Amino acid sequence: MTSSMKLLIVEDDREAAAYVVKALTEAGHVADHAADGVEGYELASSSSYDVLVVDRMLPRLDGLTLIRRLRAEGAATPVLILSALGQVDDRVQGLRAGGDDYLTKPYAFAELLARVEALARRGGPGAGDTVYKVADLEIDRLSHTVTRGGQEIVLQPREFRLLEYLMRNAGQVVTRTMLLENVWDYHFDPQTNVIDVHVSRLRSKIDKGFDKPLLHTVRGAGYVIRDGGR
């Protein structure tokens, strides 16, 4: 059974949202509600959630634009998209915008809950944490800041997402496939050196000039952030 989750429901249909929030609460979870895209974006940017449930057709800011903005800023929180638009092209568009799963309306609450729990599990241990530390390297998901030895390090959005994922899985080897799916949202290998380039840039920012390297390449396997030797 999945432990208690903190969820954000972004849904302009207040009756439908109230039903989902009540059902999630009864299932032992904490659920916040935003009635439009701007409110949803502000809540998602300022608080830490295990999963976001986002309606696609929202006033003020549509769901896909909301998700794209969060992803561009480095947010890696899993997102379940809700929509009455259920054609293959609609689902593909939603996933490419940064959604992790797509549920078509009308839906059964039991399925929504199962999908949300699956996304939370995929997030992995520590997915709900806001600060990760390895040695003197620290990343804060809420303020989007990175420091090492008290010195601030400026990262691009994709570099931030990459570091966040590596730090969340600190001490464990992360494969190229894991990075493609969780940082780039690709469910296939585009056969480019995009990962190598970003890892190289990230390594130069977080390791260069410091006493010991934290980001290591494991030949034939992937990458790992750990406080120790190669």
C-alpha atoms as a PDB file:
ATOM      1  CA  MET A   1       0.000   0.000   0.000  1.00  0.00           C
ATOM      2  CA  THR A   2       1.251   3.487  -0.883  1.00  0.00           C
ATOM      3  CA  SER A   3       2.001   5.746   2.104  1.00  0.00           C
ATOM      4  CA  SER A   4       0.213   9.054   2.514  1.00  0.00           C
ATOM      5  CA  MET A   5       0.744  11.407  -0.416  1.00  0.00           C
ATOM      6  CA  LYS A   6       0.426  15.163  -0.839  1.00  0.00           C
ATOM      7  CA  LEU A   7      -1.428  15.913  -4.068  1.00  0.00           C
ATOM      8  CA  LEU A   8      -2.504  18.974  -6.016  1.00  0.00           C
ATOM      9  CA  ILE A   9      -5.736  18.779  -8.025  1.00  0.00           C
ATOM     10  CA  VAL A  10      -5.945  21.477 -10.716  1.00  0.00           C
ATOM     11  CA  GLU A  11      -9.563  21.322 -11.916  1.00  0.00           C
ATOM     12  CA  ASP A  12     -12.016  24.110 -12.782  1.00  0.00           C
ATOM     13  CA  ASP A  13     -15.106  21.947 -12.267  1.00  0.00           C
ATOM     14  CA  ARG A  14     -15.557  22.605  -8.551  1.00  0.00           C
ATOM     15  CA  GLU A  15     -18.034  19.779  -8.014  1.00  0.00           C
ATOM     16  CA  ALA A  16     -15.744  17.231  -9.660  1.00  0.00           C
ATOM     17  CA  ALA A  17     -12.727  18.599  -7.780  1.00  0.00           C
ATOM     18  CA  ALA A  18     -14.546  18.458  -4.423  1.00  0.00           C
ATOM     19  CA  TYR A  19     -15.442  14.815  -5.064  1.00  0.00           C
ATOM     20  CA  VAL A  20     -11.851  13.871  -5.890  1.00  0.00           C
ATOM     21  CA  VAL A  21     -10.390  15.807  -2.941  1.00  0.00           C
ATOM     22  CA  LYS A  22     -12.888  14.160  -0.564  1.00  0.00           C
ATOM     23  CA  ALA A  23     -12.189  10.680  -1.942  1.00  0.00           C
ATOM     24  CA  LEU A  24      -8.419  11.176  -1.750  1.00  0.00           C
ATOM     25  CA  THR A  25      -8.718  12.447   1.834  1.00  0.00           C
ATOM     26  CA  GLU A  26     -10.791   9.403   2.772  1.00  0.00           C
ATOM     27  CA  ALA A  27      -8.055   7.240   1.234  1.00  0.00           C
ATOM     28  CA  GLY A  28      -5.581   8.786   3.680  1.00  0.00           C
ATOM     29  CA  HIS A  29      -3.955  11.393   1.462  1.00  0.00           C
ATOM     30  CA  VAL A  30      -3.647  15.197   1.583  1.00  0.00           C
ATOM     31  CA  ALA A  31      -5.123  17.008  -1.421  1.00  0.00           C
ATOM     32  CA  ASP A  32      -5.034  20.711  -2.295  1.00  0.00           C
ATOM     33  CA  HIS A  33      -7.264  22.200  -4.984  1.00  0.00           C
ATOM     34  CA  ALA A  34      -6.616  24.929  -7.551  1.00  0.00           C
ATOM     35  CA  ALA A  35      -9.555  26.145  -9.643  1.00  0.00           C
ATOM     36  CA  ASP A  36      -7.580  27.509 -12.612  1.00  0.00           C
ATOM     37  CA  GLY A  37      -4.218  27.193 -14.312  1.00  0.00           C
ATOM     38  CA  VAL A  38      -2.591  30.265 -12.791  1.00  0.00           C
ATOM     39  CA  GLU A  39      -3.514  29.240  -9.257  1.00  0.00           C
ATOM     40  CA  GLY A  40      -2.332  25.708 -10.026  1.00  0.00           C
ATOM     41  CA  TYR A  41       0.992  26.959 -11.354  1.00  0.00           C
ATOM     42  CA  GLU A  42       1.539  29.165  -8.293  1.00  0.00           C
ATOM     43  CA  LEU A  43       0.760  26.348  -5.853  1.00  0.00           C
ATOM     44  CA  ALA A  44       2.870  23.820  -7.744  1.00  0.00           C
ATOM     45  CA  SER A  45       5.785  26.272  -7.841  1.00  0.00           C
ATOM     46  CA  SER A  46       5.641  27.206  -4.154  1.00  0.00           C
ATOM     47  CA  SER A  47       4.815  23.879  -2.476  1.00  0.00           C
ATOM     48  CA  SER A  48       6.128  20.332  -2.700  1.00  0.00           C
ATOM     49  CA  TYR A  49       3.733  17.661  -3.995  1.00  0.00           C
ATOM     50  CA  ASP A  50       4.139  13.966  -4.689  1.00  0.00           C
ATOM     51  CA  VAL A  51       1.848  14.093  -7.747  1.00  0.00           C
ATOM     52  CA  LEU A  52      -0.034  16.786  -9.677  1.00  0.00           C
ATOM     53  CA  VAL A  53      -3.435  15.942 -11.210  1.00  0.00           C
ATOM     54  CA  VAL A  54      -4.039  18.519 -13.938  1.00  0.00           C
ATOM     55  CA  ASP A  55      -7.156  19.052 -16.035  1.00  0.00           C
ATOM     56  CA  ARG A  56      -6.267  19.957 -19.596  1.00  0.00           C
ATOM     57  CA  MET A  57      -8.937  22.593 -20.286  1.00  0.00           C
ATOM     58  CA  LEU A  58      -8.416  25.279 -17.628  1.00  0.00           C
ATOM     59  CA  PRO A  59      -9.262  28.993 -17.450  1.00  0.00           C
ATOM     60  CA  ARG A  60      -6.484  31.636 -17.332  1.00  0.00           C
ATOM     61  CA  LEU A  61      -3.752  29.096 -18.182  1.00  0.00           C
ATOM     62  CA  ASP A  62      -4.404  25.789 -19.936  1.00  0.00           C
ATOM     63  CA  GLY A  63      -3.121  22.561 -18.424  1.00  0.00           C
ATOM     64  CA  LEU A  64      -0.470  21.779 -21.036  1.00  0.00           C
ATOM     65  CA  THR A  65       1.034  25.277 -20.806  1.00  0.00           C
ATOM     66  CA  LEU A  66       1.090  24.952 -17.020  1.00  0.00           C
ATOM     67  CA  ILE A  67       2.982  21.658 -17.274  1.00  0.00           C
ATOM     68  CA  ARG A  68       5.434  23.012 -19.873  1.00  0.00           C
ATOM     69  CA  ARG A  69       6.255  25.970 -17.603  1.00  0.00           C
ATOM     70  CA  LEU A  70       6.913  23.731 -14.620  1.00  0.00           C
ATOM     71  CA  ARG A  71       9.115  21.410 -16.674  1.00  0.00           C
ATOM     72  CA  ALA A  72      11.050  24.355 -18.144  1.00  0.00           C
ATOM     73  CA  GLU A  73      11.801  25.496 -14.590  1.00  0.00           C
ATOM     74  CA  GLY A  74      13.152  22.095 -13.642  1.00  0.00           C
ATOM     75  CA  ALA A  75      10.142  20.697 -11.760  1.00  0.00           C
ATOM     76  CA  ALA A  76      10.154  16.895 -11.933  1.00  0.00           C
ATOM     77  CA  THR A  77       6.976  16.203  -9.957  1.00  0.00           C
ATOM     78  CA  PRO A  78       4.937  13.451 -11.676  1.00  0.00           C
ATOM     79  CA  VAL A  79       1.842  14.760 -13.501  1.00  0.00           C
ATOM     80  CA  LEU A  80      -1.383  12.927 -14.335  1.00  0.00           C
ATOM     81  CA  ILE A  81      -3.336  14.762 -17.037  1.00  0.00           C
ATOM     82  CA  LEU A  82      -7.150  14.607 -16.986  1.00  0.00           C
ATOM     83  CA  SER A  83      -9.020  15.403 -20.185  1.00  0.00           C
ATOM     84  CA  ALA A  84     -12.179  14.797 -22.158  1.00  0.00           C
ATOM     85  CA  LEU A  85      -9.883  14.788 -25.207  1.00  0.00           C
ATOM     86  CA  GLY A  86      -9.013  11.129 -25.573  1.00  0.00           C
ATOM     87  CA  GLN A  87      -7.741  10.601 -29.110  1.00  0.00           C
ATOM     88  CA  VAL A  88      -4.247   9.200 -29.617  1.00  0.00           C
ATOM     89  CA  ASP A  89      -2.949  12.569 -30.847  1.00  0.00           C
ATOM     90  CA  ASP A  90      -4.378  14.277 -27.745  1.00  0.00           C
ATOM     91  CA  ARG A  91      -2.645  11.819 -25.416  1.00  0.00           C
ATOM     92  CA  VAL A  92       0.642  12.082 -27.300  1.00  0.00           C
ATOM     93  CA  GLN A  93       0.447  15.881 -27.092  1.00  0.00           C
ATOM     94  CA  GLY A  94      -0.134  15.687 -23.355  1.00  0.00           C
ATOM     95  CA  LEU A  95       2.778  13.342 -22.742  1.00  0.00           C
ATOM     96  CA  ARG A  96       5.104  15.404 -24.903  1.00  0.00           C
ATOM     97  CA  ALA A  97       4.148  18.524 -22.941  1.00  0.00           C
ATOM     98  CA  GLY A  98       5.650  16.845 -19.868  1.00  0.00           C
ATOM     99  CA  GLY A  99       2.774  14.754 -18.522  1.00  0.00           C
ATOM    100  CA  ASP A 100       3.655  11.350 -17.080  1.00  0.00           C
ATOM    101  CA  ASP A 101       0.237   9.725 -17.511  1.00  0.00           C
ATOM    102  CA  TYR A 102      -3.065  10.585 -19.195  1.00  0.00           C
ATOM    103  CA  LEU A 103      -6.571   9.697 -17.997  1.00  0.00           C
ATOM    104  CA  THR A 104      -9.629  10.354 -20.141  1.00  0.00           C
ATOM    105  CA  LYS A 105     -12.883  11.717 -18.697  1.00  0.00           C
ATOM    106  CA  PRO A 106     -15.205  10.312 -17.536  1.00  0.00           C
ATOM    107  CA  TYR A 107     -13.097   8.113 -15.294  1.00  0.00           C
ATOM    108  CA  ALA A 108     -13.555   5.915 -12.237  1.00  0.00           C
ATOM    109  CA  PHE A 109     -11.980   7.241  -9.041  1.00  0.00           C
ATOM    110  CA  ALA A 110     -10.434   3.815  -8.360  1.00  0.00           C
ATOM    111  CA  GLU A 111      -8.452   4.097 -11.601  1.00  0.00           C
ATOM    112  CA  LEU A 112      -7.376   7.673 -10.863  1.00  0.00           C
ATOM    113  CA  LEU A 113      -6.157   6.602  -7.410  1.00  0.00           C
ATOM    114  CA  ALA A 114      -4.278   3.602  -8.819  1.00  0.00           C
ATOM    115  CA  ARG A 115      -2.566   5.751 -11.449  1.00  0.00           C
ATOM    116  CA  VAL A 116      -1.618   8.435  -8.902  1.00  0.00           C
ATOM    117  CA  GLU A 117      -0.167   5.786  -6.569  1.00  0.00           C
ATOM    118  CA  ALA A 118       1.823   4.307  -9.467  1.00  0.00           C
ATOM    119  CA  LEU A 119       3.247   7.738 -10.336  1.00  0.00           C
ATOM    120  CA  ALA A 120       4.194   8.342  -6.699  1.00  0.00           C
ATOM    121  CA  ARG A 121       6.014   4.999  -6.580  1.00  0.00           C
ATOM    122  CA  ARG A 122       7.810   5.838  -9.805  1.00  0.00           C
ATOM    123  CA  GLY A 123       9.030   9.014  -8.156  1.00  0.00           C
ATOM    124  CA  GLY A 124      11.047   6.754  -5.886  1.00  0.00           C
ATOM    125  CA  PRO A 125      12.331   7.158  -2.342  1.00  0.00           C
ATOM    126  CA  GLY A 126      12.600  10.782  -1.339  1.00  0.00           C
ATOM    127  CA  ALA A 127      10.454  12.020  -4.208  1.00  0.00           C
ATOM    128  CA  GLY A 128       8.487  14.199  -1.798  1.00  0.00           C
ATOM    129  CA  ASP A 129      11.581  15.707  -0.147  1.00  0.00           C
ATOM    130  CA  THR A 130      12.405  19.321  -0.889  1.00  0.00           C
ATOM    131  CA  VAL A 131      16.137  19.356  -0.063  1.00  0.00           C
ATOM    132  CA  TYR A 132      18.730  16.754  -1.073  1.00  0.00           C
ATOM    133  CA  LYS A 133      22.323  16.709   0.239  1.00  0.00           C
ATOM    134  CA  VAL A 134      25.390  14.708  -0.721  1.00  0.00           C
ATOM    135  CA  ALA A 135      28.552  15.741   1.131  1.00  0.00           C
ATOM    136  CA  ASP A 136      28.676  19.550   0.828  1.00  0.00           C
ATOM    137  CA  LEU A 137      26.430  19.635  -2.278  1.00  0.00           C
ATOM    138  CA  GLU A 138      22.841  20.685  -1.637  1.00  0.00           C
ATOM    139  CA  ILE A 139      19.840  21.181  -3.929  1.00  0.00           C
ATOM    140  CA  ASP A 140      16.601  22.852  -2.842  1.00  0.00           C
ATOM    141  CA  ARG A 141      13.645  21.937  -5.066  1.00  0.00           C
ATOM    142  CA  LEU A 142      11.418  24.749  -3.772  1.00  0.00           C
ATOM    143  CA  SER A 143      13.815  27.672  -4.180  1.00  0.00           C
ATOM    144  CA  HIS A 144      15.505  26.044  -7.207  1.00  0.00           C
ATOM    145  CA  THR A 145      18.929  26.741  -5.719  1.00  0.00           C
ATOM    146  CA  VAL A 146      22.079  24.643  -5.701  1.00  0.00           C
ATOM    147  CA  THR A 147      25.049  25.207  -3.413  1.00  0.00           C
ATOM    148  CA  ARG A 148      28.323  23.427  -2.770  1.00  0.00           C
ATOM    149  CA  GLY A 149      30.410  24.339   0.248  1.00  0.00           C
ATOM    150  CA  GLY A 150      28.068  27.293   0.728  1.00  0.00           C
ATOM    151  CA  GLN A 151      28.830  28.603  -2.769  1.00  0.00           C
ATOM    152  CA  GLU A 152      25.816  29.069  -5.049  1.00  0.00           C
ATOM    153  CA  ILE A 153      25.917  27.241  -8.389  1.00  0.00           C
ATOM    154  CA  VAL A 154      23.777  28.497 -11.266  1.00  0.00           C
ATOM    155  CA  LEU A 155      22.237  25.740 -13.389  1.00  0.00           C
ATOM    156  CA  GLN A 156      20.093  25.764 -16.510  1.00  0.00           C
ATOM    157  CA  PRO A 157      16.592  24.201 -16.102  1.00  0.00           C
ATOM    158  CA  ARG A 158      17.593  20.890 -17.702  1.00  0.00           C
ATOM    159  CA  GLU A 159      20.784  20.728 -15.649  1.00  0.00           C
ATOM    160  CA  PHE A 160      18.699  21.306 -12.522  1.00  0.00           C
ATOM    161  CA  ARG A 161      16.330  18.450 -13.420  1.00  0.00           C
ATOM    162  CA  LEU A 162      19.317  16.199 -14.132  1.00  0.00           C
ATOM    163  CA  LEU A 163      20.979  17.004 -10.810  1.00  0.00           C
ATOM    164  CA  GLU A 164      17.676  16.661  -8.935  1.00  0.00           C
ATOM    165  CA  TYR A 165      17.136  13.173 -10.335  1.00  0.00           C
ATOM    166  CA  LEU A 166      20.718  12.100  -9.598  1.00  0.00           C
ATOM    167  CA  MET A 167      20.525  13.494  -6.051  1.00  0.00           C
ATOM    168  CA  ARG A 168      17.173  11.806  -5.432  1.00  0.00           C
ATOM    169  CA  ASN A 169      18.886   8.528  -6.332  1.00  0.00           C
ATOM    170  CA  ALA A 170      22.198   9.336  -4.629  1.00  0.00           C
ATOM    171  CA  GLY A 171      24.470   6.323  -4.249  1.00  0.00           C
ATOM    172  CA  GLN A 172      22.611   4.379  -6.942  1.00  0.00           C
ATOM    173  CA  VAL A 173      23.739   4.011 -10.537  1.00  0.00           C
ATOM    174  CA  VAL A 174      21.304   5.809 -12.853  1.00  0.00           C
ATOM    175  CA  THR A 175      21.174   4.434 -16.402  1.00  0.00           C
ATOM    176  CA  ARG A 176      20.836   6.387 -19.638  1.00  0.00           C
ATOM    177  CA  THR A 177      17.330   4.964 -20.088  1.00  0.00           C
ATOM    178  CA  MET A 178      16.311   6.211 -16.626  1.00  0.00           C
ATOM    179  CA  LEU A 179      17.625   9.678 -17.439  1.00  0.00           C
ATOM    180  CA  LEU A 180      15.926   9.766 -20.844  1.00  0.00           C
ATOM    181  CA  GLU A 181      12.560   8.820 -19.322  1.00  0.00           C
ATOM    182  CA  ASN A 182      12.713  10.924 -16.156  1.00  0.00           C
ATOM    183  CA  VAL A 183      14.682  14.008 -17.191  1.00  0.00           C
ATOM    184  CA  TRP A 184      14.044  14.275 -20.938  1.00  0.00           C
ATOM    185  CA  ASP A 185      10.602  12.591 -21.022  1.00  0.00           C
ATOM    186  CA  TYR A 186      11.768  10.378 -23.905  1.00  0.00           C
ATOM    187  CA  HIS A 187      10.511   6.805 -23.909  1.00  0.00           C
ATOM    188  CA  PHE A 188      13.012   5.897 -26.617  1.00  0.00           C
ATOM    189  CA  ASP A 189      16.699   6.528 -27.246  1.00  0.00           C
ATOM    190  CA  PRO A 190      17.094   9.406 -29.735  1.00  0.00           C
ATOM    191  CA  GLN A 191      20.642   8.175 -30.445  1.00  0.00           C
ATOM    192  CA  THR A 192      22.291  11.468 -29.589  1.00  0.00           C
ATOM    193  CA  ASN A 193      24.934  12.490 -27.074  1.00  0.00           C
ATOM    194  CA  VAL A 194      22.510  14.863 -25.302  1.00  0.00           C
ATOM    195  CA  ILE A 195      22.973  13.084 -21.954  1.00  0.00           C
ATOM    196  CA  ASP A 196      26.775  13.071 -22.188  1.00  0.00           C
ATOM    197  CA  VAL A 197      26.818  16.785 -23.011  1.00  0.00           C
ATOM    198  CA  HIS A 198      24.570  17.727 -20.094  1.00  0.00           C
ATOM    199  CA  VAL A 199      26.402  15.466 -17.638  1.00  0.00           C
ATOM    200  CA  SER A 200      29.703  17.021 -18.725  1.00  0.00           C
ATOM    201  CA  ARG A 201      28.348  20.553 -18.207  1.00  0.00           C
ATOM    202  CA  LEU A 202      26.858  19.612 -14.854  1.00  0.00           C
ATOM    203  CA  ARG A 203      30.095  17.985 -13.699  1.00  0.00           C
ATOM    204  CA  SER A 204      32.101  21.084 -14.592  1.00  0.00           C
ATOM    205  CA  LYS A 205      29.746  23.215 -12.488  1.00  0.00           C
ATOM    206  CA  ILE A 206      29.412  21.063  -9.360  1.00  0.00           C
ATOM    207  CA  ASP A 207      32.862  19.386  -9.228  1.00  0.00           C
ATOM    208  CA  LYS A 208      35.388  21.729 -10.846  1.00  0.00           C
ATOM    209  CA  GLY A 209      37.415  23.617  -8.257  1.00  0.00           C
ATOM    210  CA  PHE A 210      36.320  21.419  -5.349  1.00  0.00           C
ATOM    211  CA  ASP A 211      38.447  18.920  -3.423  1.00  0.00           C
ATOM    212  CA  LYS A 212      36.687  15.732  -4.490  1.00  0.00           C
ATOM    213  CA  PRO A 213      34.363  14.770  -7.351  1.00  0.00           C
ATOM    214  CA  LEU A 214      30.802  13.735  -6.518  1.00  0.00           C
ATOM    215  CA  LEU A 215      29.435  12.959 -10.001  1.00  0.00           C
ATOM    216  CA  HIS A 216      30.931   9.728 -11.341  1.00  0.00           C
ATOM    217  CA  THR A 217      30.627   7.818 -14.603  1.00  0.00           C
ATOM    218  CA  VAL A 218      30.176   4.069 -14.200  1.00  0.00           C
ATOM    219  CA  ARG A 219      31.440   2.627 -17.478  1.00  0.00           C
ATOM    220  CA  GLY A 220      28.854   0.604 -19.353  1.00  0.00           C
ATOM    221  CA  ALA A 221      26.198   1.356 -16.733  1.00  0.00           C
ATOM    222  CA  GLY A 222      25.454   5.043 -16.252  1.00  0.00           C
ATOM    223  CA  TYR A 223      26.122   7.741 -13.682  1.00  0.00           C
ATOM    224  CA  VAL A 224      26.037   8.098  -9.920  1.00  0.00           C
ATOM    225  CA  ILE A 225      26.326  10.907  -7.390  1.00  0.00           C
ATOM    226  CA  ARG A 226      28.026   9.739  -4.232  1.00  0.00           C
ATOM    227  CA  ASP A 227      30.404  10.895  -1.530  1.00  0.00           C
ATOM    228  CA  GLY A 228      33.341   8.629  -2.220  1.00  0.00           C
ATOM    229  CA  GLY A 229      35.888   7.459  -4.756  1.00  0.00           C
ATOM    230  CA  ARG A 230      35.247   6.497  -8.334  1.00  0.00           C
END
